[in-house]
Amino acid sequence: MGGMTQFGDLLGPPPTRLTGDPEAEDAIAAGEDPRTVAASHPTASIAWAELAERALDSGDVISAYAFARTGYHRGLDQLRRHGWKGFGPVPFDHEPNRGFLRCVAALARAAQSIGEEEEYIRCLDLVNESDPHAAAPLGLA
């Protein structure tokens, strides 16, 4: 590998690990309605990810797109507050990062299904740049 770690170039930015939203994460894990969770925790990407994935599963691509984009932007806000500069590792194995990554993946899938190829590629690239091992568990591989 020579100078490379599992997170890429040693001179690159360190991995970003979000603090997440434990209340929202617990509520989703407990099976609460994600609409209720999103309403009470609108900055929690996990709630938007759950809504987007459910919408995709039910064939409501446009709602999925909107939910995923909302959670994606909420996640970008959190990443920036944690020092992320628009690139660098966002490890999937760090649980609080998953809401954001799930939103990016859901947005990729929704964009692909409406033929928005550029957005699909951009989201896919972001997932792969965030964590090269994330595409498979996110259903993109």
Protein backbone atom coordinates (compact mmCIF):
# COMPACT_ATOMS: atom_id res chain seq x y z
CA MET A 1 0.00 0.00 0.00
CA GLY A 2 2.87 2.40 0.79
CA GLY A 3 1.65 5.49 2.64
CA MET A 4 -1.99 4.56 2.29
CA THR A 5 -4.30 3.61 5.12
CA GLN A 6 -7.84 2.31 4.95
CA PHE A 7 -8.84 6.00 4.88
CA GLY A 8 -6.65 6.91 1.93
CA ASP A 9 -3.73 9.31 1.79
CA LEU A 10 -2.20 10.11 5.17
CA LEU A 11 -1.88 13.74 4.07
CA GLY A 12 -5.59 13.97 3.44
CA PRO A 13 -8.16 15.11 5.97
CA PRO A 14 -8.88 12.88 8.96
CA PRO A 15 -12.12 10.89 8.99
CA THR A 16 -15.18 12.90 10.05
CA ARG A 17 -17.24 11.26 12.77
CA LEU A 18 -20.56 12.97 13.41
CA THR A 19 -21.97 13.10 16.91
CA GLY A 20 -25.38 12.25 15.51
CA ASP A 21 -28.75 12.71 17.18
CA PRO A 22 -29.10 9.96 19.81
CA GLU A 23 -32.75 10.78 20.59
CA ALA A 24 -33.76 10.51 16.94
CA GLU A 25 -31.59 7.42 16.39
CA ASP A 26 -33.17 5.71 19.42
CA ALA A 27 -36.67 6.66 18.27
CA ILE A 28 -36.08 5.23 14.79
CA ALA A 29 -34.50 2.07 16.26
CA ALA A 30 -37.55 1.71 18.53
CA GLY A 31 -39.81 1.74 15.47
CA GLU A 32 -41.34 5.19 15.94
CA ASP A 33 -42.97 6.76 12.88
CA PRO A 34 -40.14 8.52 11.02
CA ARG A 35 -42.51 11.39 10.13
CA THR A 36 -42.99 12.07 13.83
CA VAL A 37 -39.24 11.76 14.44
CA ALA A 38 -38.44 14.11 11.54
CA ALA A 39 -40.97 16.64 12.84
CA SER A 40 -39.45 16.65 16.31
CA HIS A 41 -35.82 16.30 15.11
CA PRO A 42 -35.73 18.06 11.71
CA THR A 43 -31.92 18.20 11.64
CA ALA A 44 -31.58 14.41 12.12
CA SER A 45 -30.54 12.81 8.82
CA ILE A 46 -31.50 9.38 10.19
CA ALA A 47 -35.22 10.27 10.17
CA TRP A 48 -35.03 11.60 6.60
CA ALA A 49 -33.09 8.50 5.53
CA GLU A 50 -35.80 6.25 6.96
CA LEU A 51 -38.52 8.28 5.20
CA ALA A 52 -36.60 8.24 1.89
CA GLU A 53 -35.97 4.49 2.00
CA ARG A 54 -39.59 3.72 2.84
CA ALA A 55 -40.75 5.95 -0.01
CA LEU A 56 -38.35 4.19 -2.42
CA ASP A 57 -39.62 0.80 -1.24
CA SER A 58 -43.21 1.87 -1.89
CA GLY A 59 -42.41 3.26 -5.35
CA ASP A 60 -42.89 6.93 -4.39
CA VAL A 61 -39.70 8.14 -6.04
CA ILE A 62 -40.46 11.86 -5.88
CA SER A 63 -41.12 11.80 -2.14
CA ALA A 64 -38.01 9.67 -1.69
CA TYR A 65 -36.00 12.25 -3.66
CA ALA A 66 -37.31 15.11 -1.51
CA PHE A 67 -36.79 13.29 1.79
CA ALA A 68 -33.30 12.17 0.79
CA ARG A 69 -32.28 15.63 -0.38
CA THR A 70 -33.48 17.16 2.89
CA GLY A 71 -31.51 14.66 4.96
CA TYR A 72 -28.49 15.06 2.70
CA HIS A 73 -28.44 18.83 3.26
CA ARG A 74 -28.97 18.44 7.01
CA GLY A 75 -26.04 16.02 7.01
CA LEU A 76 -23.83 18.41 5.05
CA ASP A 77 -24.56 21.09 7.68
CA GLN A 78 -23.50 18.71 10.44
CA LEU A 79 -20.40 17.57 8.57
CA ARG A 80 -19.29 21.16 8.04
CA ARG A 81 -19.81 21.92 11.74
CA HIS A 82 -17.52 18.95 12.43
CA GLY A 83 -14.77 20.44 10.25
CA TRP A 84 -15.46 18.59 6.97
CA LYS A 85 -14.41 20.70 3.97
CA GLY A 86 -16.40 18.94 1.26
CA PHE A 87 -14.12 15.94 0.85
CA GLY A 88 -12.44 13.29 2.93
CA PRO A 89 -13.53 10.15 4.75
CA VAL A 90 -16.95 9.84 6.38
CA PRO A 91 -16.73 6.24 7.67
CA PHE A 92 -19.87 4.11 7.36
CA ASP A 93 -18.88 1.98 10.35
CA HIS A 94 -19.36 5.04 12.60
CA GLU A 95 -23.08 4.72 13.34
CA PRO A 96 -23.94 8.47 13.53
CA ASN A 97 -22.56 8.92 9.97
CA ARG A 98 -25.08 6.45 8.58
CA GLY A 99 -28.09 8.78 8.44
CA PHE A 100 -26.19 11.09 6.10
CA LEU A 101 -24.75 8.26 3.99
CA ARG A 102 -28.15 6.56 3.75
CA CYS A 103 -29.63 9.84 2.50
CA VAL A 104 -26.93 10.19 -0.16
CA ALA A 105 -27.55 6.61 -1.27
CA ALA A 106 -31.34 7.09 -1.34
CA LEU A 107 -30.88 10.29 -3.34
CA ALA A 108 -28.65 8.39 -5.78
CA ARG A 109 -31.30 5.69 -6.23
CA ALA A 110 -34.14 8.21 -6.62
CA ALA A 111 -32.13 10.31 -9.10
CA GLN A 112 -31.28 7.22 -11.13
CA SER A 113 -34.90 6.13 -11.29
CA ILE A 114 -36.03 9.49 -12.74
CA GLY A 115 -33.14 9.55 -15.21
CA GLU A 116 -31.12 12.28 -13.48
CA GLU A 117 -27.83 10.65 -14.35
CA GLU A 118 -25.52 13.50 -13.26
CA GLU A 119 -27.03 13.61 -9.78
CA TYR A 120 -26.86 9.82 -9.54
CA ILE A 121 -23.14 9.82 -10.44
CA ARG A 122 -22.41 12.73 -8.09
CA CYS A 123 -24.10 10.95 -5.16
CA LEU A 124 -22.42 7.65 -6.00
CA ASP A 125 -19.04 9.41 -6.11
CA LEU A 126 -19.74 11.06 -2.74
CA VAL A 127 -20.57 7.71 -1.16
CA ASN A 128 -17.42 6.13 -2.61
CA GLU A 129 -15.25 9.07 -1.55
CA SER A 130 -16.77 9.04 1.94
CA ASP A 131 -16.15 5.33 2.44
CA PRO A 132 -15.18 2.90 -0.34
CA HIS A 133 -16.83 0.09 1.64
CA ALA A 134 -20.19 1.83 2.06
CA ALA A 135 -21.79 1.25 -1.36
CA ALA A 136 -22.62 -2.41 -0.77
CA PRO A 137 -24.38 -2.03 2.61
CA LEU A 138 -26.18 1.03 1.20
CA GLY A 139 -27.58 -1.00 -1.68
CA LEU A 140 -25.54 0.74 -4.39
CA ALA A 141 -23.12 -2.04 -5.31
